[in-house]
Each structure stands twice: as C-alpha cells, then as structure tokens.
Amino acid sequence: MSDLCLTLLCPPGAEEKLLDHLLLSPDIVKVFTSTTTAAHGLSLDNLDQAEQVLGRARATAIQVILAASDKTILLDTIRQLFAGTGMRYWVTTVVETGEVA
C-alpha cells in the first residue's frame, strides 16, 4: 500500500500534546516534521484579537508520513484527543520516499 502525507495545522495550545502523541506512535508514524507557520483563511472565531487584525493565526504545521492503511486509525485518535481545538488537516499521496545514505 502507498504512503501518505498527513498535514496538520495545529494551534499553539495543542502543539506539545500532539507532538508527544506522534512520538509515542512509532508503529503508525514513520517520520514527521514540525514547523512554525502562519495559517490564513481560518474562522475568525478561533483567532485572538491580534490575529484578527493581522489576518493570520500562529500555528504549527506538522507533516506525518504514514501508510495509507494507518490513516483512519491516526485521524480517529487525533479527532478524539483534539476535539474542539480547531485543528485542520489534509492528506496527500506520497510518490516516493527514501533515505539518502
């Protein structure tokens, strides 16, 4: 089965808990990265006053490489653990992965 890239836009308040969860899921999560980013186009209800003025929210973009067969398991767990946080996600197909040795 092919690999997928799950991208998560994580609000600052949930970042450490999400990173811990991913680190504790080595059977599902092959490798992941995290980067501080600015998120645009989010609901104004989830932005503080400064973010509303700037038109962007502080977030952490996390990209997880996982087997397609593990996607539902990981997303279901994330939905349970992070309900109500406003976390967003999307999934893309990975054409190729490897390690430069």
C-alpha atoms as a PDB file:
ATOM      1  CA  MET A   1       0.000   0.000   0.000  1.00  0.00           C
ATOM      2  CA  SER A   2       1.225   3.542  -0.698  1.00  0.00           C
ATOM      3  CA  ASP A   3       2.437   6.147   1.754  1.00  0.00           C
ATOM      4  CA  LEU A   4       0.502   9.289   2.560  1.00  0.00           C
ATOM      5  CA  CYS A   5       1.459  12.673   3.954  1.00  0.00           C
ATOM      6  CA  LEU A   6      -0.931  13.926   6.626  1.00  0.00           C
ATOM      7  CA  THR A   7      -0.511  17.662   7.167  1.00  0.00           C
ATOM      8  CA  LEU A   8      -1.914  19.062  10.398  1.00  0.00           C
ATOM      9  CA  LEU A   9      -2.351  22.763  11.217  1.00  0.00           C
ATOM     10  CA  CYS A  10      -2.047  22.707  14.971  1.00  0.00           C
ATOM     11  CA  PRO A  11      -2.936  25.653  17.224  1.00  0.00           C
ATOM     12  CA  PRO A  12      -0.191  26.585  19.721  1.00  0.00           C
ATOM     13  CA  GLY A  13      -2.119  25.299  22.740  1.00  0.00           C
ATOM     14  CA  ALA A  14      -2.284  21.750  21.375  1.00  0.00           C
ATOM     15  CA  GLU A  15       1.206  21.511  19.860  1.00  0.00           C
ATOM     16  CA  GLU A  16       3.103  19.728  22.657  1.00  0.00           C
ATOM     17  CA  LYS A  17       0.327  17.206  23.263  1.00  0.00           C
ATOM     18  CA  LEU A  18       0.131  16.390  19.546  1.00  0.00           C
ATOM     19  CA  LEU A  19       3.906  16.060  19.172  1.00  0.00           C
ATOM     20  CA  ASP A  20       4.002  13.767  22.214  1.00  0.00           C
ATOM     21  CA  HIS A  21       1.217  11.639  20.748  1.00  0.00           C
ATOM     22  CA  LEU A  22       3.062  11.279  17.449  1.00  0.00           C
ATOM     23  CA  LEU A  23       6.336  10.412  19.199  1.00  0.00           C
ATOM     24  CA  LEU A  24       4.516   7.725  21.171  1.00  0.00           C
ATOM     25  CA  SER A  25       3.027   6.195  17.987  1.00  0.00           C
ATOM     26  CA  PRO A  26       6.103   4.705  16.237  1.00  0.00           C
ATOM     27  CA  ASP A  27       4.105   1.774  14.819  1.00  0.00           C
ATOM     28  CA  ILE A  28       1.931   4.186  12.818  1.00  0.00           C
ATOM     29  CA  VAL A  29       4.062   7.287  12.322  1.00  0.00           C
ATOM     30  CA  LYS A  30       7.134   6.614  10.183  1.00  0.00           C
ATOM     31  CA  VAL A  31       8.617  10.109  10.261  1.00  0.00           C
ATOM     32  CA  PHE A  32       7.260  13.611  10.827  1.00  0.00           C
ATOM     33  CA  THR A  33       8.339  17.231  10.772  1.00  0.00           C
ATOM     34  CA  SER A  34       7.045  20.317  12.548  1.00  0.00           C
ATOM     35  CA  THR A  35       7.400  23.945  11.529  1.00  0.00           C
ATOM     36  CA  THR A  36       6.102  27.192  12.973  1.00  0.00           C
ATOM     37  CA  THR A  37       3.835  28.807  10.393  1.00  0.00           C
ATOM     38  CA  ALA A  38       1.096  31.356   9.802  1.00  0.00           C
ATOM     39  CA  ALA A  39      -2.327  29.987   8.888  1.00  0.00           C
ATOM     40  CA  HIS A  40      -4.666  32.018   6.684  1.00  0.00           C
ATOM     41  CA  GLY A  41      -8.366  31.595   5.939  1.00  0.00           C
ATOM     42  CA  LEU A  42      -9.384  30.238   9.345  1.00  0.00           C
ATOM     43  CA  SER A  43     -12.618  31.132  11.085  1.00  0.00           C
ATOM     44  CA  LEU A  44     -12.333  34.440  12.935  1.00  0.00           C
ATOM     45  CA  ASP A  45     -13.929  32.773  15.962  1.00  0.00           C
ATOM     46  CA  ASN A  46     -10.678  30.844  16.546  1.00  0.00           C
ATOM     47  CA  LEU A  47      -8.370  33.898  16.308  1.00  0.00           C
ATOM     48  CA  ASP A  48      -7.300  36.218  19.105  1.00  0.00           C
ATOM     49  CA  GLN A  49      -7.579  39.997  18.551  1.00  0.00           C
ATOM     50  CA  ALA A  50      -4.039  40.435  17.206  1.00  0.00           C
ATOM     51  CA  GLU A  51      -4.511  37.542  14.775  1.00  0.00           C
ATOM     52  CA  GLN A  52      -7.789  39.030  13.558  1.00  0.00           C
ATOM     53  CA  VAL A  53      -6.055  42.340  12.802  1.00  0.00           C
ATOM     54  CA  LEU A  54      -3.158  40.614  11.008  1.00  0.00           C
ATOM     55  CA  GLY A  55      -5.439  38.180   9.178  1.00  0.00           C
ATOM     56  CA  ARG A  56      -3.395  35.135  10.142  1.00  0.00           C
ATOM     57  CA  ALA A  57      -3.083  32.731  13.045  1.00  0.00           C
ATOM     58  CA  ARG A  58       0.018  31.309  14.665  1.00  0.00           C
ATOM     59  CA  ALA A  59       0.160  27.572  14.145  1.00  0.00           C
ATOM     60  CA  THR A  60       2.484  24.624  13.819  1.00  0.00           C
ATOM     61  CA  ALA A  61       2.401  22.732  10.528  1.00  0.00           C
ATOM     62  CA  ILE A  62       3.116  19.063  11.136  1.00  0.00           C
ATOM     63  CA  GLN A  63       3.674  16.675   8.246  1.00  0.00           C
ATOM     64  CA  VAL A  64       3.398  12.976   9.029  1.00  0.00           C
ATOM     65  CA  ILE A  65       4.425  10.203   6.645  1.00  0.00           C
ATOM     66  CA  LEU A  66       2.335   7.083   7.204  1.00  0.00           C
ATOM     67  CA  ALA A  67       0.988   4.040   5.422  1.00  0.00           C
ATOM     68  CA  ALA A  68      -2.403   4.580   3.806  1.00  0.00           C
ATOM     69  CA  SER A  69      -3.758   1.714   5.909  1.00  0.00           C
ATOM     70  CA  ASP A  70      -2.937   3.650   9.124  1.00  0.00           C
ATOM     71  CA  LYS A  71      -4.598   6.934   8.128  1.00  0.00           C
ATOM     72  CA  THR A  72      -8.013   6.201   9.628  1.00  0.00           C
ATOM     73  CA  ILE A  73      -6.551   4.945  12.911  1.00  0.00           C
ATOM     74  CA  LEU A  74      -4.397   8.035  13.380  1.00  0.00           C
ATOM     75  CA  LEU A  75      -7.097  10.521  12.334  1.00  0.00           C
ATOM     76  CA  ASP A  76      -9.706   8.894  14.585  1.00  0.00           C
ATOM     77  CA  THR A  77      -7.344   9.165  17.562  1.00  0.00           C
ATOM     78  CA  ILE A  78      -6.494  12.780  16.751  1.00  0.00           C
ATOM     79  CA  ARG A  79     -10.204  13.617  16.445  1.00  0.00           C
ATOM     80  CA  GLN A  80     -10.818  12.144  19.908  1.00  0.00           C
ATOM     81  CA  LEU A  81      -7.827  13.765  21.608  1.00  0.00           C
ATOM     82  CA  PHE A  82      -8.116  17.188  19.975  1.00  0.00           C
ATOM     83  CA  ALA A  83     -11.860  17.747  19.539  1.00  0.00           C
ATOM     84  CA  GLY A  84     -12.732  21.437  19.712  1.00  0.00           C
ATOM     85  CA  THR A  85      -9.181  22.733  19.151  1.00  0.00           C
ATOM     86  CA  GLY A  86      -9.816  23.949  15.605  1.00  0.00           C
ATOM     87  CA  MET A  87      -7.022  21.763  14.263  1.00  0.00           C
ATOM     88  CA  ARG A  88      -7.183  21.381  10.470  1.00  0.00           C
ATOM     89  CA  TYR A  89      -5.707  18.686   8.252  1.00  0.00           C
ATOM     90  CA  TRP A  90      -5.303  17.436   4.698  1.00  0.00           C
ATOM     91  CA  VAL A  91      -3.903  14.272   3.176  1.00  0.00           C
ATOM     92  CA  THR A  92      -1.769  13.920   0.049  1.00  0.00           C
ATOM     93  CA  THR A  93      -0.262  10.944  -1.712  1.00  0.00           C
ATOM     94  CA  VAL A  94       3.496  10.486  -1.451  1.00  0.00           C
ATOM     95  CA  VAL A  95       5.006   9.477  -4.766  1.00  0.00           C
ATOM     96  CA  GLU A  96       8.320   8.340  -3.331  1.00  0.00           C
ATOM     97  CA  THR A  97      10.181   8.218  -0.027  1.00  0.00           C
ATOM     98  CA  GLY A  98      13.657   7.135   0.830  1.00  0.00           C
ATOM     99  CA  GLU A  99      16.816   7.869   2.728  1.00  0.00           C
ATOM    100  CA  VAL A 100      19.967   9.290   1.226  1.00  0.00           C
ATOM    101  CA  ALA A 101      22.658   7.121   2.771  1.00  0.00           C
END
